[in-house]
C-alpha atoms as a PDB file:
ATOM      1  CA  MET A   1      95.769 135.994  31.505  1.00  0.00           C
ATOM      2  CA  PHE A   2      92.335 137.388  32.417  1.00  0.00           C
ATOM      3  CA  LYS A   3      89.360 136.963  30.088  1.00  0.00           C
ATOM      4  CA  ARG A   4      86.376 137.758  32.362  1.00  0.00           C
ATOM      5  CA  ILE A   5      86.584 140.301  35.172  1.00  0.00           C
ATOM      6  CA  LEU A   6      83.790 140.645  37.716  1.00  0.00           C
ATOM      7  CA  VAL A   7      83.260 143.906  39.591  1.00  0.00           C
ATOM      8  CA  PRO A   8      80.724 143.535  42.410  1.00  0.00           C
ATOM      9  CA  THR A   9      79.461 146.939  43.518  1.00  0.00           C
ATOM     10  CA  ASP A  10      77.476 148.400  46.382  1.00  0.00           C
ATOM     11  CA  PHE A  11      77.644 151.855  44.734  1.00  0.00           C
ATOM     12  CA  SER A  12      80.122 153.127  47.351  1.00  0.00           C
ATOM     13  CA  PRO A  13      83.333 155.081  46.686  1.00  0.00           C
ATOM     14  CA  PRO A  14      85.483 151.935  47.188  1.00  0.00           C
ATOM     15  CA  SER A  15      83.351 150.148  44.580  1.00  0.00           C
ATOM     16  CA  ASP A  16      83.821 153.075  42.192  1.00  0.00           C
ATOM     17  CA  ALA A  17      87.585 152.838  42.724  1.00  0.00           C
ATOM     18  CA  ALA A  18      87.442 149.070  42.047  1.00  0.00           C
ATOM     19  CA  LEU A  19      85.620 149.719  38.774  1.00  0.00           C
ATOM     20  CA  GLU A  20      88.392 152.086  37.675  1.00  0.00           C
ATOM     21  CA  TYR A  21      91.041 149.447  38.460  1.00  0.00           C
ATOM     22  CA  ALA A  22      89.027 146.771  36.681  1.00  0.00           C
ATOM     23  CA  ARG A  23      88.689 148.943  33.574  1.00  0.00           C
ATOM     24  CA  SER A  24      92.451 149.305  33.307  1.00  0.00           C
ATOM     25  CA  VAL A  25      93.109 145.593  33.917  1.00  0.00           C
ATOM     26  CA  ALA A  26      90.419 144.597  31.394  1.00  0.00           C
ATOM     27  CA  ALA A  27      91.861 146.968  28.768  1.00  0.00           C
ATOM     28  CA  ARG A  28      95.391 145.680  29.367  1.00  0.00           C
ATOM     29  CA  TYR A  29      94.447 142.006  29.020  1.00  0.00           C
ATOM     30  CA  GLY A  30      91.605 142.333  26.511  1.00  0.00           C
ATOM     31  CA  ALA A  31      89.169 140.978  29.086  1.00  0.00           C
ATOM     32  CA  SER A  32      85.432 141.514  29.319  1.00  0.00           C
ATOM     33  CA  LEU A  33      84.042 143.494  32.241  1.00  0.00           C
ATOM     34  CA  HIS A  34      81.012 142.351  34.261  1.00  0.00           C
ATOM     35  CA  LEU A  35      79.414 144.672  36.795  1.00  0.00           C
ATOM     36  CA  LEU A  36      77.240 142.996  39.465  1.00  0.00           C
ATOM     37  CA  HIS A  37      75.096 144.288  42.295  1.00  0.00           C
ATOM     38  CA  VAL A  38      73.671 141.877  44.853  1.00  0.00           C
ATOM     39  CA  ALA A  39      70.583 143.358  46.480  1.00  0.00           C
ATOM     40  CA  GLU A  40      69.459 142.017  49.824  1.00  0.00           C
ATOM     41  CA  ASP A  41      66.005 140.483  49.724  1.00  0.00           C
ATOM     42  CA  PRO A  42      63.685 143.318  50.847  1.00  0.00           C
ATOM     43  CA  TYR A  43      61.690 140.831  52.943  1.00  0.00           C
ATOM     44  CA  ARG A  44      64.676 139.199  54.642  1.00  0.00           C
ATOM     45  CA  ALA A  45      64.433 141.388  57.756  1.00  0.00           C
ATOM     46  CA  PHE A  46      60.833 140.280  58.214  1.00  0.00           C
ATOM     47  CA  TYR A  47      61.356 136.525  57.924  1.00  0.00           C
ATOM     48  CA  SER A  48      60.520 134.976  61.246  1.00  0.00           C
ATOM     49  CA  ALA A  49      58.370 132.174  62.589  1.00  0.00           C
ATOM     50  CA  ASP A  50      56.456 134.763  64.657  1.00  0.00           C
ATOM     51  CA  VAL A  51      55.855 137.390  61.968  1.00  0.00           C
ATOM     52  CA  PHE A  52      53.944 137.260  58.712  1.00  0.00           C
ATOM     53  CA  VAL A  53      54.465 140.100  56.280  1.00  0.00           C
ATOM     54  CA  PRO A  54      52.549 139.893  53.026  1.00  0.00           C
ATOM     55  CA  GLU A  55      54.704 140.451  49.979  1.00  0.00           C
ATOM     56  CA  ILE A  56      54.132 143.594  47.974  1.00  0.00           C
ATOM     57  CA  GLU A  57      53.632 142.677  44.353  1.00  0.00           C
ATOM     58  CA  GLY A  58      56.562 143.714  42.194  1.00  0.00           C
ATOM     59  CA  LEU A  59      58.819 144.954  45.014  1.00  0.00           C
ATOM     60  CA  ARG A  60      61.720 142.627  44.185  1.00  0.00           C
ATOM     61  CA  GLU A  61      61.386 143.432  40.477  1.00  0.00           C
ATOM     62  CA  GLU A  62      61.399 147.167  41.269  1.00  0.00           C
ATOM     63  CA  VAL A  63      64.561 146.790  43.381  1.00  0.00           C
ATOM     64  CA  LEU A  64      66.284 144.904  40.545  1.00  0.00           C
ATOM     65  CA  SER A  65      65.122 147.382  37.908  1.00  0.00           C
ATOM     66  CA  ASP A  66      66.356 150.367  39.922  1.00  0.00           C
ATOM     67  CA  THR A  67      69.760 148.849  40.620  1.00  0.00           C
ATOM     68  CA  GLU A  68      70.209 147.748  36.993  1.00  0.00           C
ATOM     69  CA  LYS A  69      69.626 151.354  35.903  1.00  0.00           C
ATOM     70  CA  ARG A  70      72.248 152.519  38.406  1.00  0.00           C
ATOM     71  CA  LEU A  71      74.669 149.870  37.140  1.00  0.00           C
ATOM     72  CA  LYS A  72      74.181 150.850  33.510  1.00  0.00           C
ATOM     73  CA  ASN A  73      74.786 154.493  34.422  1.00  0.00           C
ATOM     74  CA  GLN A  74      78.203 153.475  35.746  1.00  0.00           C
ATOM     75  CA  LEU A  75      79.201 151.947  32.433  1.00  0.00           C
ATOM     76  CA  ARG A  76      80.732 154.148  29.766  1.00  0.00           C
ATOM     77  CA  PRO A  77      79.959 153.601  26.086  1.00  0.00           C
ATOM     78  CA  SER A  78      83.597 152.544  25.675  1.00  0.00           C
ATOM     79  CA  ASP A  79      83.126 149.889  28.388  1.00  0.00           C
ATOM     80  CA  VAL A  80      80.365 148.291  26.333  1.00  0.00           C
ATOM     81  CA  ALA A  81      82.083 148.711  22.955  1.00  0.00           C
ATOM     82  CA  GLU A  82      85.668 147.830  23.892  1.00  0.00           C
ATOM     83  CA  LEU A  83      85.347 145.715  27.047  1.00  0.00           C
ATOM     84  CA  HIS A  84      82.045 144.011  26.177  1.00  0.00           C
ATOM     85  CA  ALA A  85      80.790 145.174  29.564  1.00  0.00           C
ATOM     86  CA  THR A  86      77.599 143.827  31.088  1.00  0.00           C
ATOM     87  CA  ALA A  87      75.609 144.890  34.133  1.00  0.00           C
ATOM     88  CA  GLU A  88      73.421 142.628  36.223  1.00  0.00           C
ATOM     89  CA  SER A  89      71.552 142.909  39.479  1.00  0.00           C
ATOM     90  CA  ILE A  90      70.436 139.901  41.510  1.00  0.00           C
ATOM     91  CA  ILE A  91      68.821 139.306  44.892  1.00  0.00           C
ATOM     92  CA  GLY A  92      70.757 137.274  47.431  1.00  0.00           C
ATOM     93  CA  THR A  93      73.356 137.431  50.156  1.00  0.00           C
ATOM     94  CA  PRO A  94      76.306 139.508  48.930  1.00  0.00           C
ATOM     95  CA  ALA A  95      79.361 137.313  49.548  1.00  0.00           C
ATOM     96  CA  GLY A  96      77.751 133.998  48.660  1.00  0.00           C
ATOM     97  CA  SER A  97      76.063 135.377  45.560  1.00  0.00           C
ATOM     98  CA  ILE A  98      79.269 137.000  44.298  1.00  0.00           C
ATOM     99  CA  VAL A  99      81.209 133.739  44.666  1.00  0.00           C
ATOM    100  CA  GLU A 100      78.403 131.738  43.059  1.00  0.00           C
ATOM    101  CA  TYR A 101      78.179 134.199  40.154  1.00  0.00           C
ATOM    102  CA  ALA A 102      81.941 134.062  39.612  1.00  0.00           C
ATOM    103  CA  GLY A 103      81.940 130.266  39.540  1.00  0.00           C
ATOM    104  CA  GLY A 104      78.933 130.048  37.252  1.00  0.00           C
ATOM    105  CA  HIS A 105      80.234 132.615  34.747  1.00  0.00           C
ATOM    106  CA  ASN A 106      83.872 131.456  34.415  1.00  0.00           C
ATOM    107  CA  VAL A 107      85.220 134.635  35.988  1.00  0.00           C
ATOM    108  CA  ASP A 108      89.039 134.837  36.031  1.00  0.00           C
ATOM    109  CA  LEU A 109      89.374 137.812  38.412  1.00  0.00           C
ATOM    110  CA  ILE A 110      87.148 139.615  40.902  1.00  0.00           C
ATOM    111  CA  VAL A 111      87.961 143.275  41.536  1.00  0.00           C
ATOM    112  CA  MET A 112      85.993 144.686  44.440  1.00  0.00           C
ATOM    113  CA  GLY A 113      86.018 147.588  46.826  1.00  0.00           C
ATOM    114  CA  THR A 114      86.581 147.244  50.514  1.00  0.00           C
ATOM    115  CA  HIS A 115      85.580 149.722  53.167  1.00  0.00           C
ATOM    116  CA  GLY A 116      88.575 148.845  55.325  1.00  0.00           C
ATOM    117  CA  ARG A 117      86.571 148.686  58.527  1.00  0.00           C
ATOM    118  CA  GLY A 118      88.363 147.545  61.617  1.00  0.00           C
ATOM    119  CA  GLY A 119      87.702 146.870  65.261  1.00  0.00           C
ATOM    120  CA  MET A 120      84.132 146.780  66.498  1.00  0.00           C
ATOM    121  CA  SER A 121      82.702 147.905  63.143  1.00  0.00           C
ATOM    122  CA  HIS A 122      84.330 144.933  61.392  1.00  0.00           C
ATOM    123  CA  LEU A 123      83.224 142.576  64.153  1.00  0.00           C
ATOM    124  CA  LEU A 124      79.594 143.713  63.968  1.00  0.00           C
ATOM    125  CA  MET A 125      79.246 144.176  60.218  1.00  0.00           C
ATOM    126  CA  GLY A 126      81.724 141.621  58.930  1.00  0.00           C
ATOM    127  CA  SER A 127      83.394 142.010  55.593  1.00  0.00           C
ATOM    128  CA  VAL A 128      81.880 140.918  52.308  1.00  0.00           C
ATOM    129  CA  ALA A 129      85.284 141.320  50.652  1.00  0.00           C
ATOM    130  CA  GLU A 130      86.939 139.106  53.257  1.00  0.00           C
ATOM    131  CA  ARG A 131      84.368 136.344  52.743  1.00  0.00           C
ATOM    132  CA  VAL A 132      84.744 136.575  48.967  1.00  0.00           C
ATOM    133  CA  VAL A 133      88.552 136.386  49.223  1.00  0.00           C
ATOM    134  CA  ARG A 134      88.276 133.241  51.361  1.00  0.00           C
ATOM    135  CA  THR A 135      85.820 131.402  49.119  1.00  0.00           C
ATOM    136  CA  ALA A 136      86.200 132.690  45.556  1.00  0.00           C
ATOM    137  CA  PRO A 137      87.137 130.266  42.770  1.00  0.00           C
ATOM    138  CA  CYS A 138      89.565 132.830  41.301  1.00  0.00           C
ATOM    139  CA  PRO A 139      91.939 135.609  42.417  1.00  0.00           C
ATOM    140  CA  VAL A 140      90.367 138.624  44.143  1.00  0.00           C
ATOM    141  CA  LEU A 141      91.816 142.132  44.017  1.00  0.00           C
ATOM    142  CA  THR A 142      90.467 144.394  46.754  1.00  0.00           C
ATOM    143  CA  VAL A 143      90.584 148.153  46.330  1.00  0.00           C
ATOM    144  CA  ARG A 144      90.103 150.869  48.922  1.00  0.00           C
ATOM    145  CA  ASP A 145      88.723 154.272  48.100  1.00  0.00           C
ATOM    146  CA  ALA A 146      91.727 156.264  46.892  1.00  0.00           C
ATOM    147  CA  LYS A 147      90.318 159.460  48.444  1.00  0.00           C
ATOM    148  CA  LYS A 148      90.076 157.986  51.933  1.00  0.00           C
ATOM    149  CA  PRO A 149      93.260 158.371  53.991  1.00  0.00           C
ATOM    150  CA  VAL A 150      94.785 155.151  55.257  1.00  0.00           C
ATOM    151  CA  ALA A 151      95.822 155.132  58.931  1.00  0.00           C
ATOM    152  CA  THR A 152      99.329 153.800  59.427  1.00  0.00           C
ATOM    153  CA  ALA A 153     100.970 152.400  62.516  1.00  0.00           C
ATOM    154  CA  ALA A 154     103.088 155.540  62.801  1.00  0.00           C
ATOM    155  CA  ALA A 155     100.000 157.763  62.646  1.00  0.00           C
ATOM    156  CA  ALA A 156      98.089 155.725  65.208  1.00  0.00           C
END
């Protein structure tokens, strides 16, 4: 059913939980596992018609190199050997880049963490997971951090 599973990560506990789910789904279906981190452009905050910030040589490459090391540290030897796992870091906008990557790499399932923000926090920060769910070319499984308690209507 699933041949290529994408796990976008921001290195948070919900992303770690999503990776665990994805490992089990990939093992069950004999799918390959693809770990992806989308780094924001380090100069994005400075882009403006009124401001000029000279680019620091190699900064983007350093960001990508650092995040690729972190990604590879998350992969177990068995992930590489049995699940043909890969790890890649790119620069872009998270939701759009995840959807574009999935479409361009024939991904059958995206498994990603969600922080479960609500209220004002959700309004101000938005939800990458929500945008991916709305626009992805394949099914998306969202996973919350298993250690974080979930507020219920009865508890509220």
